[in-house]
Protein backbone atom coordinates (compact mmCIF):
# COMPACT_ATOMS: atom_id res chain seq x y z
CA MET A 1 0.00 0.00 0.00
CA GLN A 2 1.21 3.52 -0.77
CA PHE A 3 0.16 6.81 0.80
CA THR A 4 0.16 9.81 -1.52
CA THR A 5 -0.67 12.59 0.94
CA GLY A 6 1.55 13.99 3.66
CA ARG A 7 5.12 12.78 4.33
CA ALA A 8 6.21 9.54 2.88
CA TYR A 9 6.07 6.81 5.51
CA ARG A 10 8.93 4.40 6.06
CA ALA A 11 8.65 1.57 8.52
CA ALA A 12 11.18 1.79 11.37
CA SER A 13 13.61 -1.03 11.94
CA PRO A 14 13.18 -3.09 15.10
CA ARG A 15 16.52 -1.70 16.43
CA SER A 16 15.41 1.94 16.03
CA ALA A 17 12.14 1.18 17.74
CA SER A 18 13.87 -0.36 20.72
CA LEU A 19 16.24 2.62 21.08
CA ARG A 20 13.30 5.06 21.06
CA ALA A 21 11.53 2.99 23.64
CA SER A 22 14.60 3.02 25.88
CA ALA A 23 14.95 6.80 25.53
CA ALA A 24 11.31 7.29 26.43
CA ALA A 25 11.68 5.12 29.49
CA GLY A 26 14.83 6.98 30.53
CA SER A 27 13.06 10.31 30.44
CA SER A 28 10.60 9.16 33.10
CA THR A 29 12.84 6.98 35.32
CA ARG A 30 16.51 7.54 36.23
CA ALA A 31 18.83 4.64 35.46
CA ALA A 32 20.37 2.86 38.45
CA PRO A 33 24.02 3.86 39.08
CA ARG A 34 26.66 1.44 37.89
CA THR A 35 28.65 -0.17 40.71
CA THR A 36 32.17 -1.66 40.64
CA ALA A 37 33.32 -4.28 43.10
CA ARG A 38 36.65 -3.47 44.79
CA THR A 39 38.86 -5.97 46.58
CA VAL A 40 40.90 -4.76 49.55
CA PRO A 41 44.44 -6.22 49.33
CA THR A 42 45.58 -8.24 52.32
CA ALA A 43 49.14 -8.54 53.60
CA ARG A 44 50.95 -11.71 52.64
CA LYS A 45 52.08 -13.84 55.52
CA TYR A 46 55.87 -14.40 55.56
CA SER A 47 56.45 -18.14 55.56
CA GLY A 48 60.24 -18.23 55.42
CA GLY A 49 62.82 -18.24 58.19
CA VAL A 50 64.46 -15.28 59.87
CA PRO A 51 65.13 -12.72 57.11
CA ALA A 52 68.79 -11.99 56.41
CA PRO A 53 70.02 -8.55 57.49
CA THR A 54 69.62 -5.87 54.87
CA VAL A 55 71.11 -2.41 54.66
CA ALA A 56 67.91 -0.99 56.16
CA ARG A 57 68.07 -3.30 59.19
CA ILE A 58 71.82 -3.31 59.91
CA ASP A 59 72.92 -1.48 63.05
CA PRO A 60 76.00 0.59 62.07
CA GLY A 61 77.41 0.49 65.60
CA ARG A 62 77.10 -3.27 65.89
CA ARG A 63 78.54 -3.70 62.41
CA ALA A 64 81.58 -1.61 63.36
CA LEU A 65 82.00 -3.69 66.50
CA ALA A 66 81.86 -6.91 64.47
CA HIS A 67 84.68 -5.72 62.20
CA HIS A 68 86.63 -4.61 65.27
CA GLU A 69 86.52 -8.03 66.93
CA ALA A 70 87.11 -9.84 63.62
CA GLY A 71 90.23 -7.70 63.14
CA HIS A 72 91.49 -8.74 66.57
CA ALA A 73 90.88 -12.41 65.75
CA VAL A 74 92.62 -12.39 62.37
CA VAL A 75 95.67 -10.41 63.48
CA ALA A 76 96.08 -12.67 66.51
CA THR A 77 95.90 -15.80 64.34
CA VAL A 78 98.28 -14.52 61.67
CA LEU A 79 100.84 -13.60 64.34
CA GLY A 80 100.69 -17.00 66.02
CA GLY A 81 97.94 -16.73 68.63
CA THR A 82 94.86 -18.87 69.20
CA VAL A 83 91.38 -17.38 69.35
CA THR A 84 89.39 -18.86 72.21
CA LYS A 85 86.26 -16.88 71.48
CA ALA A 86 85.11 -13.58 70.01
CA TYR A 87 81.59 -12.41 70.69
CA LEU A 88 79.04 -9.61 70.50
CA LEU A 89 76.57 -9.18 73.33
CA PRO A 90 72.89 -8.51 72.57
CA ASP A 91 71.97 -4.85 72.47
CA ASP A 92 69.37 -5.31 75.21
CA ASP A 93 71.83 -6.93 77.63
CA PRO A 94 72.22 -4.51 80.57
CA SER A 95 75.77 -5.75 81.19
CA SER A 96 76.77 -5.40 77.55
CA ASP A 97 80.23 -4.03 76.95
CA GLY A 98 79.81 -4.48 73.21
CA GLY A 99 82.10 -7.38 72.49
CA ARG A 100 85.33 -9.12 73.34
CA CYS A 101 87.97 -11.31 71.73
CA TYR A 102 89.85 -13.78 73.93
CA VAL A 103 93.22 -15.03 72.72
CA THR A 104 95.84 -17.44 74.06
CA ASN A 105 99.39 -18.33 73.01
CA LEU A 106 99.98 -14.85 71.60
CA PRO A 107 103.71 -14.07 71.39
CA PRO A 108 104.70 -11.09 73.57
CA HIS A 109 105.99 -9.14 70.59
CA ALA A 110 102.55 -9.43 68.92
CA GLU A 111 100.44 -7.99 71.74
CA ALA A 112 100.53 -4.40 70.50
CA ALA A 113 99.61 -5.51 66.96
CA TYR A 114 96.71 -7.53 68.34
CA PHE A 115 95.21 -4.54 70.15
CA TYR A 116 95.83 -2.21 67.21
CA GLY A 117 94.30 -4.68 64.75
CA GLY A 118 90.77 -4.25 66.08
CA SER A 119 90.71 -0.47 65.75
CA PHE A 120 92.42 -0.54 62.35
CA ALA A 121 89.89 -3.06 60.99
CA GLU A 122 87.02 -0.95 62.32
CA ALA A 123 88.43 2.15 60.63
CA TYR A 124 89.10 0.19 57.42
CA ALA A 125 85.45 -0.90 57.26
CA ALA A 126 84.11 2.58 57.95
CA HIS A 127 86.42 4.17 55.38
CA GLY A 128 85.71 1.56 52.71
CA GLY A 129 89.43 0.85 52.28
CA PRO A 130 92.75 1.86 53.81
CA PRO A 131 91.87 4.57 56.36
CA THR A 132 93.67 7.85 56.92
CA PRO A 133 95.93 8.19 59.99
CA ALA A 134 93.51 10.71 61.47
CA HIS A 135 90.61 8.28 61.12
CA VAL A 136 92.55 5.47 62.77
CA ARG A 137 93.58 7.80 65.60
CA ARG A 138 89.96 8.71 66.31
CA VAL A 139 88.93 5.05 66.43
CA VAL A 140 91.85 4.11 68.70
CA LEU A 141 91.07 6.93 71.12
CA ALA A 142 87.40 5.91 71.20
CA ASN A 143 88.37 2.36 72.23
CA THR A 144 89.87 3.16 75.61
CA ARG A 145 90.77 -0.43 76.49
CA ASP A 146 92.80 -0.94 73.32
CA HIS A 147 94.34 2.52 73.60
CA ALA A 148 95.53 1.85 77.15
CA ALA A 149 97.07 -1.46 76.05
CA LEU A 150 98.88 0.23 73.15
CA VAL A 151 100.27 2.92 75.44
CA ALA A 152 101.44 0.29 77.92
CA ALA A 153 103.11 -1.67 75.12
CA GLY A 154 104.92 1.44 73.90
CA ALA A 155 103.92 0.79 70.28
CA PRO A 156 100.99 3.05 69.32
CA ARG A 157 101.11 2.10 65.63
CA PRO A 158 102.52 -1.37 64.92
CA SER A 159 103.73 -1.23 61.33
CA ASP A 160 102.72 -4.75 60.28
CA VAL A 161 99.01 -4.34 61.09
CA PRO A 162 97.95 -2.27 58.03
CA ARG A 163 99.46 -4.85 55.69
CA ILE A 164 97.81 -7.78 57.51
CA ILE A 165 94.40 -6.10 57.54
CA SER A 166 94.61 -5.17 53.86
CA THR A 167 95.88 -8.62 52.84
CA CYS A 168 93.21 -10.46 54.82
CA TRP A 169 90.34 -8.02 54.34
CA GLN A 170 88.00 -10.44 52.58
CA SER A 171 88.50 -12.91 55.43
CA ILE A 172 87.92 -10.21 58.05
CA ASP A 173 84.78 -8.96 56.32
CA GLY A 174 83.37 -12.49 56.09
CA LEU A 175 84.11 -13.14 59.76
CA ALA A 176 82.46 -9.85 60.72
CA LYS A 177 79.28 -10.83 58.87
CA LYS A 178 79.23 -14.19 60.64
CA LEU A 179 79.87 -12.53 63.99
CA TYR A 180 77.14 -9.95 63.36
CA THR A 181 74.62 -12.66 62.49
CA GLU A 182 75.52 -15.41 64.97
CA GLY A 183 77.02 -13.37 67.81
CA THR A 184 80.14 -15.50 68.32
CA ILE A 185 83.09 -16.99 66.42
CA GLY A 186 86.03 -19.20 67.37
CA GLN A 187 89.34 -20.40 65.99
CA PRO A 188 87.73 -22.87 63.54
CA ASP A 189 85.81 -19.97 61.99
CA VAL A 190 88.99 -17.92 61.66
CA ASP A 191 90.85 -20.87 60.13
CA THR A 192 88.07 -21.37 57.59
CA ALA A 193 88.05 -17.69 56.67
CA LEU A 194 91.82 -17.67 56.16
CA GLY A 195 91.91 -21.12 54.53
CA LEU A 196 94.41 -22.43 57.09
CA PRO A 197 95.35 -26.10 57.50
CA ASP A 198 94.43 -27.74 60.79
CA ALA A 199 97.03 -27.02 63.47
CA GLU A 200 96.99 -30.54 64.91
CA ARG A 201 96.76 -32.50 61.67
CA ASP A 202 99.38 -30.58 59.70
CA PRO A 203 101.22 -27.95 61.75
CA GLU A 204 103.97 -27.62 59.15
CA ALA A 205 101.57 -26.64 56.37
CA ARG A 206 99.83 -24.22 58.72
CA ALA A 207 103.11 -22.55 59.66
CA HIS A 208 104.00 -22.08 55.99
CA ALA A 209 100.55 -20.67 55.22
CA LEU A 210 100.79 -18.14 58.05
CA ALA A 211 104.27 -17.13 56.92
CA ALA A 212 102.96 -16.55 53.39
CA ILE A 213 100.13 -14.35 54.70
CA ARG A 214 102.54 -12.35 56.87
CA ALA A 215 104.67 -11.82 53.78
CA GLY A 216 101.71 -10.30 51.92
CA SER A 217 100.07 -13.22 50.09
CA VAL A 218 96.29 -12.99 50.03
CA PRO A 219 94.52 -16.07 51.44
CA GLY A 220 93.14 -18.16 48.59
CA THR A 221 95.85 -17.23 46.07
CA PHE A 222 98.59 -19.74 46.86
CA GLU A 223 99.26 -23.41 47.65
CA VAL A 224 101.10 -24.93 50.59
CA ILE A 225 102.69 -28.32 49.98
CA SER A 226 104.03 -30.30 52.94
CA ARG A 227 105.39 -33.79 53.29
CA ASP A 228 102.00 -35.09 54.41
CA SER A 229 99.50 -33.17 52.32
CA ALA A 230 98.92 -30.34 49.89
CA TRP A 231 96.72 -27.41 50.88
CA LYS A 232 95.34 -25.01 48.34
CA LEU A 233 94.57 -21.73 50.04
């Protein structure tokens, strides 16, 4: 059928009709607001062991003390002494004096170097390398016990200590980390750090290894061959 009067009529598509119906309905009733579900994040539970110390958690004072006692232990060992025990006391211990290093069999001529070794290692760690004389002096004066022992020995700056600390620095740094974490070290820990043969099983190889370190050889860079065994340090 065709209409000839008025505007031409064209049937609307079903889609257009539905859109007009929706618009008409929207003019009379407001559409409901659209909502979005949000999930609140929850903290993850740590399931591992005790976290290793990080830079943010390390106590600078306790770290300096660990290097100090490790320096005592290494210098004493290199010069012929035996480390009974080196330790750090807990920070919350009311009787805490910081830490100590107990040594036996130390030759009399090595006593001044032993006391100086702790302060020099502490200054070396703080300076990030060989410290200046002024820095070492400040550290020595701050450690009154070591300073008094150096004055009594009449040797305020034993000349062999800087070389020993520099030569054995990797060993000292490793011992300091162990001491910081575990709170105590002994002669077996020092021997492991320096790569030394066992004193009872092969004293000859151990003596040669210590002589090589005193002469300036870095632990881990040479071999010691004795009649009984060969040690690669």
